[in-house]
Amino acid sequence: MENKIIDVCYISGSREVEVTFTNGARLACPVDALEMLTWTGSEFVSAPRPTDEQLSSVRVWAGGYAIDFPEINQNFDIDELVALLPIDRKLAGVTS
């Protein structure tokens, strides 16, 4: 069975998103470590730091392969989230 994201929530006290996978594993990711970009019409630039309110609307996206922050037009797939882990190895069954 392929492992997908089944739930995500934003934790304002630590500015983290907690992702839950179909196998029960959970991953907490610091939001400020995610590369958030915005298109100016000619180039991508760093997006302004989002507020807790903007981040609280995070949802599972792309059939469980990503998370989406609709208030700020940002989304991140499983590989981008796992890349934030401070280890140099693949996690069995967690990557897409």
PDB file of N, CA and C in Angstrom:
ATOM      1  N   MET A   1       0.842  -1.193   0.000  1.00  0.00           N
ATOM      2  CA  MET A   1       0.000   0.000   0.000  1.00  0.00           C
ATOM      3  C   MET A   1       0.879   1.246   0.000  1.00  0.00           C
ATOM      4  N   GLU A   2       0.535   2.170  -0.845  1.00  0.00           N
ATOM      5  CA  GLU A   2       1.284   3.409  -0.944  1.00  0.00           C
ATOM      6  C   GLU A   2       0.948   4.323   0.231  1.00  0.00           C
ATOM      7  N   ASN A   3       1.972   4.955   0.773  1.00  0.00           N
ATOM      8  CA  ASN A   3       1.777   5.835   1.914  1.00  0.00           C
ATOM      9  C   ASN A   3       1.426   7.242   1.438  1.00  0.00           C
ATOM     10  N   LYS A   4       0.320   7.771   1.937  1.00  0.00           N
ATOM     11  CA  LYS A   4      -0.137   9.111   1.572  1.00  0.00           C
ATOM     12  C   LYS A   4      -0.434   9.911   2.829  1.00  0.00           C
ATOM     13  N   ILE A   5      -0.572  11.207   2.649  1.00  0.00           N
ATOM     14  CA  ILE A   5      -0.967  12.092   3.742  1.00  0.00           C
ATOM     15  C   ILE A   5      -2.475  11.960   3.929  1.00  0.00           C
ATOM     16  N   ILE A   6      -2.900  11.733   5.172  1.00  0.00           N
ATOM     17  CA  ILE A   6      -4.340  11.645   5.443  1.00  0.00           C
ATOM     18  C   ILE A   6      -4.836  12.794   6.316  1.00  0.00           C
ATOM     19  N   ASP A   7      -3.911  13.511   6.967  1.00  0.00           N
ATOM     20  CA  ASP A   7      -4.323  14.632   7.810  1.00  0.00           C
ATOM     21  C   ASP A   7      -3.156  15.591   7.956  1.00  0.00           C
ATOM     22  N   VAL A   8      -3.467  16.857   8.127  1.00  0.00           N
ATOM     23  CA  VAL A   8      -2.448  17.869   8.382  1.00  0.00           C
ATOM     24  C   VAL A   8      -3.069  18.947   9.255  1.00  0.00           C
ATOM     25  N   CYS A   9      -2.284  19.463  10.182  1.00  0.00           N
ATOM     26  CA  CYS A   9      -2.757  20.576  11.007  1.00  0.00           C
ATOM     27  C   CYS A   9      -1.590  21.518  11.279  1.00  0.00           C
ATOM     28  N   TYR A  10      -1.922  22.765  11.512  1.00  0.00           N
ATOM     29  CA  TYR A  10      -0.925  23.780  11.834  1.00  0.00           C
ATOM     30  C   TYR A  10      -0.890  23.970  13.342  1.00  0.00           C
ATOM     31  N   ILE A  11       0.317  23.993  13.916  1.00  0.00           N
ATOM     32  CA  ILE A  11       0.520  24.195  15.351  1.00  0.00           C
ATOM     33  C   ILE A  11       1.142  25.577  15.526  1.00  0.00           C
ATOM     34  N   SER A  12       0.342  26.547  15.954  1.00  0.00           N
ATOM     35  CA  SER A  12       0.804  27.935  15.999  1.00  0.00           C
ATOM     36  C   SER A  12       1.911  28.175  17.024  1.00  0.00           C
ATOM     37  N   GLY A  13       1.874  27.487  18.159  1.00  0.00           N
ATOM     38  CA  GLY A  13       2.876  27.707  19.201  1.00  0.00           C
ATOM     39  C   GLY A  13       4.297  27.445  18.746  1.00  0.00           C
ATOM     40  N   SER A  14       4.461  26.489  17.847  1.00  0.00           N
ATOM     41  CA  SER A  14       5.792  26.137  17.349  1.00  0.00           C
ATOM     42  C   SER A  14       5.976  26.465  15.864  1.00  0.00           C
ATOM     43  N   ARG A  15       4.935  27.008  15.231  1.00  0.00           N
ATOM     44  CA  ARG A  15       4.937  27.299  13.790  1.00  0.00           C
ATOM     45  C   ARG A  15       5.351  26.063  12.996  1.00  0.00           C
ATOM     46  N   GLU A  16       4.664  24.947  13.279  1.00  0.00           N
ATOM     47  CA  GLU A  16       4.913  23.694  12.578  1.00  0.00           C
ATOM     48  C   GLU A  16       3.626  23.185  11.948  1.00  0.00           C
ATOM     49  N   VAL A  17       3.790  22.408  10.888  1.00  0.00           N
ATOM     50  CA  VAL A  17       2.678  21.626  10.372  1.00  0.00           C
ATOM     51  C   VAL A  17       2.952  20.182  10.757  1.00  0.00           C
ATOM     52  N   GLU A  18       1.916  19.520  11.251  1.00  0.00           N
ATOM     53  CA  GLU A  18       2.034  18.104  11.573  1.00  0.00           C
ATOM     54  C   GLU A  18       1.254  17.326  10.534  1.00  0.00           C
ATOM     55  N   VAL A  19       1.959  16.442   9.849  1.00  0.00           N
ATOM     56  CA  VAL A  19       1.394  15.636   8.780  1.00  0.00           C
ATOM     57  C   VAL A  19       1.248  14.205   9.288  1.00  0.00           C
ATOM     58  N   THR A  20       0.093  13.598   9.057  1.00  0.00           N
ATOM     59  CA  THR A  20      -0.145  12.203   9.421  1.00  0.00           C
ATOM     60  C   THR A  20      -0.298  11.388   8.144  1.00  0.00           C
ATOM     61  N   PHE A  21       0.400  10.243   8.107  1.00  0.00           N
ATOM     62  CA  PHE A  21       0.393   9.367   6.941  1.00  0.00           C
ATOM     63  C   PHE A  21      -0.523   8.170   7.164  1.00  0.00           C
ATOM     64  N   THR A  22      -0.861   7.483   6.080  1.00  0.00           N
ATOM     65  CA  THR A  22      -1.765   6.334   6.159  1.00  0.00           C
ATOM     66  C   THR A  22      -1.235   5.226   7.058  1.00  0.00           C
ATOM     67  N   ASN A  23       0.080   5.121   7.230  1.00  0.00           N
ATOM     68  CA  ASN A  23       0.642   4.078   8.087  1.00  0.00           C
ATOM     69  C   ASN A  23       0.690   4.490   9.560  1.00  0.00           C
ATOM     70  N   GLY A  24       0.162   5.684   9.873  1.00  0.00           N
ATOM     71  CA  GLY A  24       0.139   6.170  11.246  1.00  0.00           C
ATOM     72  C   GLY A  24       1.324   7.036  11.621  1.00  0.00           C
ATOM     73  N   ALA A  25       2.353   7.077  10.780  1.00  0.00           N
ATOM     74  CA  ALA A  25       3.518   7.920  11.056  1.00  0.00           C
ATOM     75  C   ALA A  25       3.115   9.389  11.009  1.00  0.00           C
ATOM     76  N   ARG A  26       3.784  10.188  11.844  1.00  0.00           N
ATOM     77  CA  ARG A  26       3.546  11.634  11.852  1.00  0.00           C
ATOM     78  C   ARG A  26       4.869  12.355  11.658  1.00  0.00           C
ATOM     79  N   LEU A  27       4.804  13.492  11.016  1.00  0.00           N
ATOM     80  CA  LEU A  27       5.977  14.301  10.747  1.00  0.00           C
ATOM     81  C   LEU A  27       5.634  15.746  11.058  1.00  0.00           C
ATOM     82  N   ALA A  28       6.420  16.373  11.934  1.00  0.00           N
ATOM     83  CA  ALA A  28       6.237  17.793  12.244  1.00  0.00           C
ATOM     84  C   ALA A  28       7.314  18.573  11.497  1.00  0.00           C
ATOM     85  N   CYS A  29       6.890  19.551  10.714  1.00  0.00           N
ATOM     86  CA  CYS A  29       7.806  20.338   9.893  1.00  0.00           C
ATOM     87  C   CYS A  29       7.726  21.807  10.282  1.00  0.00           C
ATOM     88  N   PRO A  30       8.864  22.455  10.507  1.00  0.00           N
ATOM     89  CA  PRO A  30       8.837  23.888  10.790  1.00  0.00           C
ATOM     90  C   PRO A  30       8.449  24.666   9.525  1.00  0.00           C
ATOM     91  N   VAL A  31       7.382  25.410   9.611  1.00  0.00           N
ATOM     92  CA  VAL A  31       6.880  26.150   8.449  1.00  0.00           C
ATOM     93  C   VAL A  31       7.924  27.123   7.921  1.00  0.00           C
ATOM     94  N   ASP A  32       8.662  27.750   8.815  1.00  0.00           N
ATOM     95  CA  ASP A  32       9.630  28.751   8.376  1.00  0.00           C
ATOM     96  C   ASP A  32      10.827  28.143   7.643  1.00  0.00           C
ATOM     97  N   ALA A  33      10.962  26.814   7.659  1.00  0.00           N
ATOM     98  CA  ALA A  33      12.023  26.143   6.907  1.00  0.00           C
ATOM     99  C   ALA A  33      11.589  25.824   5.474  1.00  0.00           C
ATOM    100  N   LEU A  34      10.300  25.935   5.189  1.00  0.00           N
ATOM    101  CA  LEU A  34       9.795  25.688   3.837  1.00  0.00           C
ATOM    102  C   LEU A  34      10.114  26.884   2.948  1.00  0.00           C
ATOM    103  N   GLU A  35      10.543  26.619   1.726  1.00  0.00           N
ATOM    104  CA  GLU A  35      10.858  27.706   0.807  1.00  0.00           C
ATOM    105  C   GLU A  35       9.569  28.202   0.153  1.00  0.00           C
ATOM    106  N   MET A  36       9.116  29.359   0.595  1.00  0.00           N
ATOM    107  CA  MET A  36       7.884  29.946   0.056  1.00  0.00           C
ATOM    108  C   MET A  36       8.261  31.062  -0.902  1.00  0.00           C
ATOM    109  N   LEU A  37       7.779  30.920  -2.139  1.00  0.00           N
ATOM    110  CA  LEU A  37       8.108  31.866  -3.195  1.00  0.00           C
ATOM    111  C   LEU A  37       6.842  32.454  -3.790  1.00  0.00           C
ATOM    112  N   THR A  38       6.988  33.615  -4.377  1.00  0.00           N
ATOM    113  CA  THR A  38       5.886  34.246  -5.096  1.00  0.00           C
ATOM    114  C   THR A  38       6.411  34.735  -6.449  1.00  0.00           C
ATOM    115  N   TRP A  39       5.565  34.695  -7.450  1.00  0.00           N
ATOM    116  CA  TRP A  39       5.923  35.098  -8.811  1.00  0.00           C
ATOM    117  C   TRP A  39       5.609  36.569  -8.998  1.00  0.00           C
ATOM    118  N   THR A  40       6.588  37.348  -9.453  1.00  0.00           N
ATOM    119  CA  THR A  40       6.396  38.785  -9.649  1.00  0.00           C
ATOM    120  C   THR A  40       5.943  39.124 -11.062  1.00  0.00           C
ATOM    121  N   GLY A  41       5.930  38.138 -11.933  1.00  0.00           N
ATOM    122  CA  GLY A  41       5.636  38.382 -13.339  1.00  0.00           C
ATOM    123  C   GLY A  41       6.874  38.178 -14.184  1.00  0.00           C
ATOM    124  N   SER A  42       8.043  38.277 -13.540  1.00  0.00           N
ATOM    125  CA  SER A  42       9.286  38.046 -14.266  1.00  0.00           C
ATOM    126  C   SER A  42      10.255  37.135 -13.517  1.00  0.00           C
ATOM    127  N   GLU A  43      10.010  36.950 -12.210  1.00  0.00           N
ATOM    128  CA  GLU A  43      10.892  36.082 -11.428  1.00  0.00           C
ATOM    129  C   GLU A  43      10.215  35.644 -10.131  1.00  0.00           C
ATOM    130  N   PHE A  44      10.755  34.582  -9.549  1.00  0.00           N
ATOM    131  CA  PHE A  44      10.299  34.142  -8.236  1.00  0.00           C
ATOM    132  C   PHE A  44      11.121  34.850  -7.170  1.00  0.00           C
ATOM    133  N   VAL A  45      10.443  35.334  -6.140  1.00  0.00           N
ATOM    134  CA  VAL A  45      11.106  35.976  -5.001  1.00  0.00           C
ATOM    135  C   VAL A  45      10.544  35.369  -3.720  1.00  0.00           C
ATOM    136  N   SER A  46      11.257  35.543  -2.640  1.00  0.00           N
ATOM    137  CA  SER A  46      10.778  35.036  -1.354  1.00  0.00           C
ATOM    138  C   SER A  46       9.450  35.685  -1.000  1.00  0.00           C
ATOM    139  N   ALA A  47       8.510  34.859  -0.571  1.00  0.00           N
ATOM    140  CA  ALA A  47       7.191  35.356  -0.164  1.00  0.00           C
ATOM    141  C   ALA A  47       7.290  35.946   1.241  1.00  0.00           C
ATOM    142  N   PRO A  48       6.418  36.894   1.570  1.00  0.00           N
ATOM    143  CA  PRO A  48       6.396  37.425   2.938  1.00  0.00           C
ATOM    144  C   PRO A  48       6.088  36.309   3.936  1.00  0.00           C
ATOM    145  N   ARG A  49       6.577  36.464   5.155  1.00  0.00           N
ATOM    146  CA  ARG A  49       6.329  35.462   6.197  1.00  0.00           C
ATOM    147  C   ARG A  49       4.830  35.410   6.488  1.00  0.00           C
ATOM    148  N   PRO A  50       4.219  34.232   6.338  1.00  0.00           N
ATOM    149  CA  PRO A  50       2.771  34.127   6.554  1.00  0.00           C
ATOM    150  C   PRO A  50       2.399  34.211   8.031  1.00  0.00           C
ATOM    151  N   THR A  51       1.185  34.663   8.274  1.00  0.00           N
ATOM    152  CA  THR A  51       0.667  34.765   9.640  1.00  0.00           C
ATOM    153  C   THR A  51       0.113  33.415  10.088  1.00  0.00           C
ATOM    154  N   ASP A  52      -0.086  33.284  11.396  1.00  0.00           N
ATOM    155  CA  ASP A  52      -0.703  32.068  11.926  1.00  0.00           C
ATOM    156  C   ASP A  52      -2.080  31.847  11.310  1.00  0.00           C
ATOM    157  N   GLU A  53      -2.830  32.913  11.146  1.00  0.00           N
ATOM    158  CA  GLU A  53      -4.172  32.798  10.562  1.00  0.00           C
ATOM    159  C   GLU A  53      -4.104  32.244   9.138  1.00  0.00           C
ATOM    160  N   GLN A  54      -3.165  32.725   8.345  1.00  0.00           N
ATOM    161  CA  GLN A  54      -3.020  32.235   6.971  1.00  0.00           C
ATOM    162  C   GLN A  54      -2.613  30.763   6.937  1.00  0.00           C
ATOM    163  N   LEU A  55      -1.791  30.353   7.875  1.00  0.00           N
ATOM    164  CA  LEU A  55      -1.293  28.977   7.900  1.00  0.00           C
ATOM    165  C   LEU A  55      -2.314  27.991   8.446  1.00  0.00           C
ATOM    166  N   SER A  56      -3.256  28.474   9.227  1.00  0.00           N
ATOM    167  CA  SER A  56      -4.216  27.577   9.888  1.00  0.00           C
ATOM    168  C   SER A  56      -5.178  26.893   8.916  1.00  0.00           C
ATOM    169  N   SER A  57      -5.261  27.376   7.693  1.00  0.00           N
ATOM    170  CA  SER A  57      -6.172  26.767   6.719  1.00  0.00           C
ATOM    171  C   SER A  57      -5.502  25.656   5.903  1.00  0.00           C
ATOM    172  N   VAL A  58      -4.349  25.172   6.354  1.00  0.00           N
ATOM    173  CA  VAL A  58      -3.634  24.114   5.626  1.00  0.00           C
ATOM    174  C   VAL A  58      -4.535  22.896   5.441  1.00  0.00           C
ATOM    175  N   ARG A  59      -4.374  22.233   4.298  1.00  0.00           N
ATOM    176  CA  ARG A  59      -5.216  21.075   3.988  1.00  0.00           C
ATOM    177  C   ARG A  59      -4.411  20.038   3.209  1.00  0.00           C
ATOM    178  N   VAL A  60      -4.904  18.805   3.226  1.00  0.00           N
ATOM    179  CA  VAL A  60      -4.332  17.741   2.399  1.00  0.00           C
ATOM    180  C   VAL A  60      -4.672  18.079   0.951  1.00  0.00           C
ATOM    181  N   TRP A  61      -3.747  17.853   0.049  1.00  0.00           N
ATOM    182  CA  TRP A  61      -3.917  18.284  -1.334  1.00  0.00           C
ATOM    183  C   TRP A  61      -3.368  17.218  -2.279  1.00  0.00           C
ATOM    184  N   ALA A  62      -3.740  17.277  -3.510  1.00  0.00           N
ATOM    185  CA  ALA A  62      -3.235  16.402  -4.583  1.00  0.00           C
ATOM    186  C   ALA A  62      -3.409  14.923  -4.250  1.00  0.00           C
ATOM    187  N   GLY A  63      -4.569  14.580  -3.730  1.00  0.00           N
ATOM    188  CA  GLY A  63      -4.871  13.184  -3.447  1.00  0.00           C
ATOM    189  C   GLY A  63      -4.026  12.554  -2.360  1.00  0.00           C
ATOM    190  N   GLY A  64      -3.488  13.384  -1.459  1.00  0.00           N
ATOM    191  CA  GLY A  64      -2.671  12.876  -0.360  1.00  0.00           C
ATOM    192  C   GLY A  64      -1.175  12.917  -0.623  1.00  0.00           C
ATOM    193  N   TYR A  65      -0.779  13.497  -1.731  1.00  0.00           N
ATOM    194  CA  TYR A  65       0.644  13.584  -2.068  1.00  0.00           C
ATOM    195  C   TYR A  65       1.266  14.925  -1.695  1.00  0.00           C
ATOM    196  N   ALA A  66       0.469  15.840  -1.160  1.00  0.00           N
ATOM    197  CA  ALA A  66       0.982  17.168  -0.839  1.00  0.00           C
ATOM    198  C   ALA A  66       0.080  17.836   0.193  1.00  0.00           C
ATOM    199  N   ILE A  67       0.570  18.975   0.704  1.00  0.00           N
ATOM    200  CA  ILE A  67      -0.254  19.839   1.548  1.00  0.00           C
ATOM    201  C   ILE A  67      -0.361  21.190   0.857  1.00  0.00           C
ATOM    202  N   ASP A  68      -1.425  21.908   1.154  1.00  0.00           N
ATOM    203  CA  ASP A  68      -1.697  23.178   0.494  1.00  0.00           C
ATOM    204  C   ASP A  68      -2.089  24.221   1.526  1.00  0.00           C
ATOM    205  N   PHE A  69      -1.528  25.416   1.374  1.00  0.00           N
ATOM    206  CA  PHE A  69      -1.910  26.580   2.172  1.00  0.00           C
ATOM    207  C   PHE A  69      -2.677  27.518   1.236  1.00  0.00           C
ATOM    208  N   PRO A  70      -4.004  27.368   1.126  1.00  0.00           N
ATOM    209  CA  PRO A  70      -4.760  28.137   0.136  1.00  0.00           C
ATOM    210  C   PRO A  70      -4.733  29.647   0.354  1.00  0.00           C
ATOM    211  N   GLU A  71      -4.590  30.081   1.584  1.00  0.00           N
ATOM    212  CA  GLU A  71      -4.587  31.527   1.866  1.00  0.00           C
ATOM    213  C   GLU A  71      -3.365  32.235   1.282  1.00  0.00           C
ATOM    214  N   ILE A  72      -2.275  31.480   1.074  1.00  0.00           N
ATOM    215  CA  ILE A  72      -1.038  32.096   0.584  1.00  0.00           C
ATOM    216  C   ILE A  72      -0.538  31.463  -0.721  1.00  0.00           C
ATOM    217  N   ASN A  73      -1.374  30.623  -1.336  1.00  0.00           N
ATOM    218  CA  ASN A  73      -1.034  29.995  -2.624  1.00  0.00           C
ATOM    219  C   ASN A  73       0.308  29.266  -2.598  1.00  0.00           C
ATOM    220  N   GLN A  74       0.498  28.432  -1.579  1.00  0.00           N
ATOM    221  CA  GLN A  74       1.722  27.640  -1.456  1.00  0.00           C
ATOM    222  C   GLN A  74       1.334  26.183  -1.242  1.00  0.00           C
ATOM    223  N   ASN A  75       2.059  25.275  -1.885  1.00  0.00           N
ATOM    224  CA  ASN A  75       1.846  23.849  -1.626  1.00  0.00           C
ATOM    225  C   ASN A  75       3.183  23.125  -1.666  1.00  0.00           C
ATOM    226  N   PHE A  76       3.234  22.008  -0.927  1.00  0.00           N
ATOM    227  CA  PHE A  76       4.476  21.257  -0.766  1.00  0.00           C
ATOM    228  C   PHE A  76       4.174  19.773  -0.835  1.00  0.00           C
ATOM    229  N   ASP A  77       4.959  19.050  -1.633  1.00  0.00           N
ATOM    230  CA  ASP A  77       4.723  17.610  -1.743  1.00  0.00           C
ATOM    231  C   ASP A  77       5.470  16.856  -0.644  1.00  0.00           C
ATOM    232  N   ILE A  78       5.205  15.558  -0.561  1.00  0.00           N
ATOM    233  CA  ILE A  78       5.787  14.729   0.497  1.00  0.00           C
ATOM    234  C   ILE A  78       7.308  14.822   0.491  1.00  0.00           C
ATOM    235  N   ASP A  79       7.922  14.756  -0.674  1.00  0.00           N
ATOM    236  CA  ASP A  79       9.384  14.803  -0.740  1.00  0.00           C
ATOM    237  C   ASP A  79       9.944  16.105  -0.178  1.00  0.00           C
ATOM    238  N   GLU A  80       9.265  17.222  -0.420  1.00  0.00           N
ATOM    239  CA  GLU A  80       9.725  18.502   0.123  1.00  0.00           C
ATOM    240  C   GLU A  80       9.642  18.522   1.647  1.00  0.00           C
ATOM    241  N   LEU A  81       8.607  17.900   2.195  1.00  0.00           N
ATOM    242  CA  LEU A  81       8.460  17.849   3.649  1.00  0.00           C
ATOM    243  C   LEU A  81       9.500  16.926   4.275  1.00  0.00           C
ATOM    244  N   VAL A  82       9.695  15.750   3.693  1.00  0.00           N
ATOM    245  CA  VAL A  82      10.668  14.790   4.218  1.00  0.00           C
ATOM    246  C   VAL A  82      12.090  15.349   4.112  1.00  0.00           C
ATOM    247  N   ALA A  83      12.352  16.176   3.106  1.00  0.00           N
ATOM    248  CA  ALA A  83      13.682  16.770   2.940  1.00  0.00           C
ATOM    249  C   ALA A  83      14.074  17.657   4.119  1.00  0.00           C
ATOM    250  N   LEU A  84      13.107  18.082   4.924  1.00  0.00           N
ATOM    251  CA  LEU A  84      13.409  18.915   6.090  1.00  0.00           C
ATOM    252  C   LEU A  84      13.964  18.108   7.258  1.00  0.00           C
ATOM    253  N   LEU A  85      13.860  16.773   7.175  1.00  0.00           N
ATOM    254  CA  LEU A  85      14.374  15.934   8.257  1.00  0.00           C
ATOM    255  C   LEU A  85      15.892  16.056   8.340  1.00  0.00           C
ATOM    256  N   PRO A  86      16.436  16.095   9.552  1.00  0.00           N
ATOM    257  CA  PRO A  86      17.889  16.261   9.716  1.00  0.00           C
ATOM    258  C   PRO A  86      18.649  14.941   9.599  1.00  0.00           C
ATOM    259  N   ILE A  87      18.281  14.134   8.613  1.00  0.00           N
ATOM    260  CA  ILE A  87      18.950  12.854   8.403  1.00  0.00           C
ATOM    261  C   ILE A  87      19.240  12.687   6.927  1.00  0.00           C
ATOM    262  N   ASP A  88      20.208  11.854   6.618  1.00  0.00           N
ATOM    263  CA  ASP A  88      20.606  11.645   5.232  1.00  0.00           C
ATOM    264  C   ASP A  88      20.252  10.228   4.793  1.00  0.00           C
ATOM    265  N   ARG A  89      18.956   9.897   4.890  1.00  0.00           N
ATOM    266  CA  ARG A  89      18.494   8.585   4.456  1.00  0.00           C
ATOM    267  C   ARG A  89      17.019   8.678   4.105  1.00  0.00           C
ATOM    268  N   LYS A  90      16.575   7.757   3.283  1.00  0.00           N
ATOM    269  CA  LYS A  90      15.162   7.692   2.926  1.00  0.00           C
ATOM    270  C   LYS A  90      14.390   6.980   4.024  1.00  0.00           C
ATOM    271  N   LEU A  91      13.178   7.399   4.267  1.00  0.00           N
ATOM    272  CA  LEU A  91      12.315   6.728   5.225  1.00  0.00           C
ATOM    273  C   LEU A  91      11.455   5.734   4.468  1.00  0.00           C
ATOM    274  N   ALA A  92      11.493   4.499   4.874  1.00  0.00           N
ATOM    275  CA  ALA A  92      10.738   3.447   4.192  1.00  0.00           C
ATOM    276  C   ALA A  92       9.253   3.756   4.191  1.00  0.00           C
ATOM    277  N   GLY A  93       8.680   3.812   3.004  1.00  0.00           N
ATOM    278  CA  GLY A  93       7.240   3.980   2.880  1.00  0.00           C
ATOM    279  C   GLY A  93       6.718   5.376   3.129  1.00  0.00           C
ATOM    280  N   VAL A  94       7.576   6.377   3.302  1.00  0.00           N
ATOM    281  CA  VAL A  94       7.081   7.721   3.581  1.00  0.00           C
ATOM    282  C   VAL A  94       7.163   8.603   2.351  1.00  0.00           C
ATOM    283  N   THR A  95       8.081   8.335   1.440  1.00  0.00           N
ATOM    284  CA  THR A  95       8.182   9.179   0.261  1.00  0.00           C
ATOM    285  C   THR A  95       7.206   8.728  -0.803  1.00  0.00           C
ATOM    286  N   SER A  96       6.891   9.640  -1.680  1.00  0.00           N
ATOM    287  CA  SER A  96       5.915   9.338  -2.734  1.00  0.00           C
ATOM    288  C   SER A  96       6.517   8.510  -3.827  1.00  0.00           C
TER     289      SER A  96
END
